[in-house]
């Protein structure tokens, strides 16, 4: 199905060194070019249909947050201006412009740093069953979408293919070391809280999010994407109603549609119909405009 989405990138004399669920990565030695394609992943499976402009929205939002909160923790971003990229990327601006980040190459941790400030998604499902989220005991009497006054750190292992697996903070410390687990989880909490406070001024609830960190020259560095509709749940604050699922400006709309299909959550994923593609794009654009005030999309 063709819908104007850019779902794969390629250069005549340079191939991606890796393809993630959403991103194509080009290795330049001590730097990387990370290209956010229009692929969309839900339940850790990539859909065969892309969302037009999605990669550009993710890149613009990540750049916005990196710059707005650069004092919280160092990040890997060098530039999103194609003029700073190697010449062959500039020659294919129709593919790479607006959706590419030139970044420092970091030694990445094989763990995602998930911060939950509200009870939603898999966390809500576990809480209903066991009263816990990723093994962390929570107060009794919470309902779906309840605020967690003290946001919790619930790491997960990263998977290029297949499902990410929730683990405990203790398990994360065993994988990457106590020092880095403490530093990264504290930075993730600080970035989440700052993002939540800022989003609230724009009428948006930042319910939860996930971060990726690495090490560069012995220092902790925030990498990949930050506070985007792919990595976060954004809810409209004016109609927030605990006790039920919330309308959102993120890919929850896609997850909800997939939940209604006869699909076992293993590849291949049912192709998104055009109406779901269009509505998903609208939600991503709305998140971008609410949070940044930008009108590009």
Protein backbone atom coordinates (compact mmCIF):
# COMPACT_ATOMS: atom_id res chain seq x y z
CA UNK A 1 0.00 0.00 0.00
CA UNK A 2 1.37 3.40 -0.96
CA UNK A 3 0.36 6.38 1.12
CA UNK A 4 3.28 8.79 0.71
CA UNK A 5 5.15 7.45 3.73
CA UNK A 6 8.91 6.94 3.65
CA UNK A 7 9.40 3.55 5.27
CA UNK A 8 12.94 2.69 4.13
CA UNK A 9 15.98 4.77 3.23
CA UNK A 10 18.97 3.97 1.07
CA UNK A 11 21.83 5.83 -0.58
CA UNK A 12 23.53 4.75 -3.82
CA UNK A 13 26.84 4.04 -2.10
CA UNK A 14 25.84 3.81 1.53
CA UNK A 15 23.44 1.41 3.22
CA UNK A 16 22.11 1.69 6.78
CA UNK A 17 24.30 -0.12 9.27
CA UNK A 18 21.13 -1.03 11.18
CA UNK A 19 17.39 -0.78 10.85
CA UNK A 20 15.33 -0.52 14.02
CA UNK A 21 11.57 -0.77 14.29
CA UNK A 22 11.26 2.86 13.23
CA UNK A 23 14.76 4.21 12.54
CA UNK A 24 17.45 3.61 9.94
CA UNK A 25 20.96 4.19 11.29
CA UNK A 26 24.03 5.15 9.24
CA UNK A 27 27.43 4.73 10.90
CA UNK A 28 29.93 7.54 10.18
CA UNK A 29 32.61 6.37 12.60
CA UNK A 30 32.39 8.51 15.74
CA UNK A 31 29.02 9.87 14.63
CA UNK A 32 25.73 8.44 13.43
CA UNK A 33 22.94 9.62 11.19
CA UNK A 34 19.65 8.49 12.72
CA UNK A 35 16.75 8.67 10.29
CA UNK A 36 13.21 8.51 11.64
CA UNK A 37 11.20 6.77 8.94
CA UNK A 38 7.41 6.72 8.76
CA UNK A 39 7.23 3.12 9.97
CA UNK A 40 4.99 2.58 12.96
CA UNK A 41 5.45 -0.15 15.55
CA UNK A 42 2.76 -1.31 17.96
CA UNK A 43 3.03 -4.21 20.39
CA UNK A 44 6.65 -4.38 19.19
CA UNK A 45 5.64 -5.32 15.63
CA UNK A 46 6.11 -3.01 12.64
CA UNK A 47 3.00 -2.40 10.57
CA UNK A 48 3.29 -2.85 6.78
CA UNK A 49 1.72 0.61 6.31
CA UNK A 50 3.47 3.84 7.27
CA UNK A 51 2.18 7.14 8.65
CA UNK A 52 3.12 10.03 6.32
CA UNK A 53 5.36 12.67 7.98
CA UNK A 54 5.58 10.68 11.19
CA UNK A 55 9.38 10.58 11.10
CA UNK A 56 9.59 14.33 10.59
CA UNK A 57 7.28 14.93 13.55
CA UNK A 58 9.33 12.64 15.80
CA UNK A 59 12.56 14.38 14.77
CA UNK A 60 11.15 17.88 15.26
CA UNK A 61 9.75 17.00 18.69
CA UNK A 62 12.95 15.33 19.85
CA UNK A 63 14.98 18.36 18.75
CA UNK A 64 12.53 20.61 20.61
CA UNK A 65 12.90 18.67 23.88
CA UNK A 66 16.68 18.23 23.57
CA UNK A 67 17.04 22.01 23.26
CA UNK A 68 14.37 22.95 25.83
CA UNK A 69 15.79 20.69 28.54
CA UNK A 70 19.43 20.45 27.64
CA UNK A 71 20.41 21.50 31.15
CA UNK A 72 18.87 18.34 32.70
CA UNK A 73 21.28 15.87 31.10
CA UNK A 74 23.68 15.93 28.15
CA UNK A 75 22.31 14.54 24.88
CA UNK A 76 23.81 13.12 21.70
CA UNK A 77 22.39 15.65 19.20
CA UNK A 78 24.83 17.49 16.94
CA UNK A 79 22.51 18.85 14.23
CA UNK A 80 19.29 18.33 12.29
CA UNK A 81 20.41 20.75 9.55
CA UNK A 82 21.19 18.68 6.46
CA UNK A 83 23.93 21.19 5.54
CA UNK A 84 25.97 19.67 8.40
CA UNK A 85 25.60 16.12 7.03
CA UNK A 86 27.84 14.31 4.53
CA UNK A 87 27.27 15.37 0.93
CA UNK A 88 25.44 12.23 -0.19
CA UNK A 89 22.69 12.87 2.39
CA UNK A 90 22.39 16.46 1.15
CA UNK A 91 22.01 15.19 -2.42
CA UNK A 92 18.92 13.22 -1.35
CA UNK A 93 17.20 15.87 0.68
CA UNK A 94 13.80 14.61 -0.48
CA UNK A 95 14.39 11.52 1.64
CA UNK A 96 16.49 12.77 4.55
CA UNK A 97 15.59 16.42 5.21
CA UNK A 98 13.56 17.01 8.34
CA UNK A 99 13.70 13.42 9.57
CA UNK A 100 17.42 12.96 10.27
CA UNK A 101 19.65 13.67 13.26
CA UNK A 102 23.44 13.84 13.15
CA UNK A 103 24.52 12.59 16.57
CA UNK A 104 27.51 11.50 18.60
CA UNK A 105 27.95 7.73 18.70
CA UNK A 106 27.49 6.50 22.25
CA UNK A 107 27.94 3.21 24.04
CA UNK A 108 24.24 2.50 24.51
CA UNK A 109 22.72 0.69 27.46
CA UNK A 110 20.63 -2.39 26.52
CA UNK A 111 17.84 -1.12 28.77
CA UNK A 112 14.95 1.29 28.28
CA UNK A 113 14.29 3.67 31.15
CA UNK A 114 10.51 3.78 31.47
CA UNK A 115 8.92 6.36 33.78
CA UNK A 116 5.25 5.97 34.65
CA UNK A 117 3.34 8.88 36.17
CA UNK A 118 -0.13 7.48 35.57
CA UNK A 119 -1.60 3.98 35.67
CA UNK A 120 -2.17 2.92 32.07
CA UNK A 121 -1.44 0.24 29.49
CA UNK A 122 0.39 -2.87 30.66
CA UNK A 123 0.88 -1.24 34.06
CA UNK A 124 -2.87 -1.04 34.60
CA UNK A 125 -3.32 -4.65 33.48
CA UNK A 126 -0.73 -5.86 35.98
CA UNK A 127 -2.11 -3.68 38.78
CA UNK A 128 -5.61 -5.09 38.31
CA UNK A 129 -4.20 -8.61 38.64
CA UNK A 130 -1.51 -8.24 41.31
CA UNK A 131 -1.62 -4.71 42.74
CA UNK A 132 1.82 -4.09 41.29
CA UNK A 133 3.49 -2.54 38.25
CA UNK A 134 6.61 -4.37 37.12
CA UNK A 135 6.68 -5.94 40.56
CA UNK A 136 6.51 -2.58 42.37
CA UNK A 137 3.72 -2.55 44.96
CA UNK A 138 1.29 0.35 44.55
CA UNK A 139 -1.40 1.67 46.92
CA UNK A 140 -4.76 -0.06 46.91
CA UNK A 141 -7.81 1.53 45.34
CA UNK A 142 -6.21 3.00 42.22
CA UNK A 143 -8.24 3.03 39.01
CA UNK A 144 -7.30 3.09 35.35
CA UNK A 145 -5.51 6.35 34.50
CA UNK A 146 -4.93 7.23 38.19
CA UNK A 147 -2.08 9.65 38.75
CA UNK A 148 0.96 8.23 40.54
CA UNK A 149 2.00 11.07 42.82
CA UNK A 150 5.52 9.64 42.84
CA UNK A 151 6.33 8.49 39.29
CA UNK A 152 7.94 5.06 39.16
CA UNK A 153 10.93 3.75 37.24
CA UNK A 154 10.11 0.48 35.46
CA UNK A 155 12.91 -0.53 33.08
CA UNK A 156 12.63 -2.90 30.15
CA UNK A 157 15.09 -4.79 28.01
CA UNK A 158 15.37 -3.52 24.44
CA UNK A 159 14.54 -5.74 21.50
CA UNK A 160 15.27 -4.90 17.87
CA UNK A 161 12.78 -7.60 16.91
CA UNK A 162 10.19 -9.16 19.14
CA UNK A 163 8.79 -7.94 22.41
CA UNK A 164 10.54 -5.78 24.98
CA UNK A 165 10.48 -7.37 28.43
CA UNK A 166 9.73 -5.49 31.64
CA UNK A 167 12.37 -6.00 34.33
CA UNK A 168 12.92 -4.70 37.85
CA UNK A 169 15.25 -1.80 38.70
CA UNK A 170 17.43 -4.35 40.48
CA UNK A 171 17.72 -6.42 37.31
CA UNK A 172 18.61 -3.30 35.33
CA UNK A 173 21.38 -2.55 37.83
CA UNK A 174 22.78 -6.04 37.31
CA UNK A 175 22.84 -5.51 33.53
CA UNK A 176 24.43 -2.04 33.35
CA UNK A 177 25.89 -1.59 36.83
CA UNK A 178 24.53 0.15 39.89
CA UNK A 179 26.29 3.45 39.15
CA UNK A 180 24.86 3.88 35.67
CA UNK A 181 21.43 2.53 36.61
CA UNK A 182 21.17 5.11 39.39
CA UNK A 183 22.45 7.98 37.26
CA UNK A 184 20.25 7.18 34.26
CA UNK A 185 17.09 6.49 36.27
CA UNK A 186 17.52 9.76 38.18
CA UNK A 187 18.06 11.65 34.91
CA UNK A 188 15.01 9.94 33.41
CA UNK A 189 12.89 10.94 36.41
CA UNK A 190 14.11 14.55 36.20
CA UNK A 191 13.48 14.77 32.46
CA UNK A 192 10.02 13.23 32.83
CA UNK A 193 9.04 15.60 35.63
CA UNK A 194 10.30 18.61 33.70
CA UNK A 195 8.47 17.43 30.59
CA UNK A 196 5.29 16.78 32.55
CA UNK A 197 5.38 20.27 34.06
CA UNK A 198 5.96 21.89 30.68
CA UNK A 199 3.28 19.81 28.94
CA UNK A 200 0.78 20.79 31.63
CA UNK A 201 1.21 24.45 30.62
CA UNK A 202 0.08 23.40 27.12
CA UNK A 203 -2.99 21.48 28.32
CA UNK A 204 -1.31 18.09 27.88
CA UNK A 205 -0.84 15.31 30.43
CA UNK A 206 2.41 13.38 29.95
CA UNK A 207 1.25 10.06 31.37
CA UNK A 208 4.40 8.00 30.84
CA UNK A 209 7.44 7.76 28.63
CA UNK A 210 10.62 5.85 27.95
CA UNK A 211 14.18 7.05 27.50
CA UNK A 212 17.40 5.58 26.17
CA UNK A 213 20.82 6.47 27.56
CA UNK A 214 24.42 5.73 26.76
CA UNK A 215 27.95 6.72 27.67
CA UNK A 216 30.09 9.23 25.76
CA UNK A 217 33.59 10.06 27.00
CA UNK A 218 32.72 8.63 30.39
CA UNK A 219 29.59 10.74 30.78
CA UNK A 220 25.90 9.87 30.79
CA UNK A 221 24.16 10.92 27.56
CA UNK A 222 20.47 10.94 26.61
CA UNK A 223 20.00 9.47 23.14
CA UNK A 224 17.51 8.36 20.48
CA UNK A 225 14.11 10.10 20.73
CA UNK A 226 12.59 11.97 23.67
CA UNK A 227 8.99 12.66 24.67
CA UNK A 228 7.44 11.85 21.30
CA UNK A 229 4.06 10.23 20.54
CA UNK A 230 5.99 7.02 19.79
CA UNK A 231 7.69 6.88 23.18
CA UNK A 232 5.08 8.56 25.39
CA UNK A 233 1.41 8.78 26.26
CA UNK A 234 -0.04 12.28 25.83
CA UNK A 235 -3.58 12.96 27.08
CA UNK A 236 -5.71 16.12 26.74
CA UNK A 237 -5.89 17.58 30.25
CA UNK A 238 -9.27 19.28 29.84
CA UNK A 239 -11.14 15.98 29.53
CA UNK A 240 -8.99 13.82 31.81
CA UNK A 241 -11.25 11.36 33.63
CA UNK A 242 -9.73 8.73 35.97
CA UNK A 243 -11.45 5.36 35.95
CA UNK A 244 -11.27 4.76 32.21
CA UNK A 245 -8.91 4.88 29.25
CA UNK A 246 -8.09 8.36 27.97
CA UNK A 247 -8.19 9.79 24.46
CA UNK A 248 -4.62 10.43 23.40
CA UNK A 249 -2.23 12.21 21.04
CA UNK A 250 -0.07 9.16 20.39
CA UNK A 251 -0.07 5.67 18.89
CA UNK A 252 -2.55 4.35 21.45
CA UNK A 253 -5.12 4.95 18.70
CA UNK A 254 -3.30 2.35 16.59
CA UNK A 255 -3.03 -0.07 19.53
CA UNK A 256 -6.77 0.26 20.17
CA UNK A 257 -7.58 -0.55 16.54
CA UNK A 258 -5.26 -3.56 16.58
CA UNK A 259 -6.85 -4.85 19.80
CA UNK A 260 -10.15 -5.05 17.93
CA UNK A 261 -8.68 -7.21 15.15
CA UNK A 262 -8.30 -10.99 15.07
CA UNK A 263 -4.54 -10.76 15.57
CA UNK A 264 -2.35 -12.72 18.00
CA UNK A 265 0.27 -9.94 18.38
CA UNK A 266 2.84 -11.84 16.34
CA UNK A 267 4.05 -10.79 12.85
CA UNK A 268 2.64 -10.05 10.41
CA UNK A 269 0.46 -7.23 11.70
CA UNK A 270 -2.83 -6.36 9.95
CA UNK A 271 -2.27 -3.41 7.57
CA UNK A 272 -3.71 -0.17 8.89
CA UNK A 273 -6.65 1.09 6.80
CA UNK A 274 -6.39 4.56 5.33
CA UNK A 275 -8.79 6.09 7.86
CA UNK A 276 -6.61 4.86 10.76
CA UNK A 277 -3.47 6.12 9.01
CA UNK A 278 -5.03 9.56 8.47
CA UNK A 279 -6.34 9.83 12.03
CA UNK A 280 -3.02 8.70 13.50
CA UNK A 281 -1.18 11.35 11.50
CA UNK A 282 -3.63 13.97 12.79
CA UNK A 283 -2.93 12.92 16.38
CA UNK A 284 0.84 13.16 15.93
CA UNK A 285 0.49 16.57 14.30
CA UNK A 286 -1.79 17.71 17.11
CA UNK A 287 0.74 16.63 19.75
CA UNK A 288 3.48 18.54 17.94
CA UNK A 289 1.42 21.70 17.60
CA UNK A 290 0.14 21.67 21.17
CA UNK A 291 3.58 21.15 22.66
CA UNK A 292 5.72 23.35 20.42
CA UNK A 293 3.34 25.87 18.87
CA UNK A 294 4.84 24.93 15.51
CA UNK A 295 2.75 24.88 12.32
CA UNK A 296 5.06 23.00 9.94
CA UNK A 297 2.85 19.94 9.55
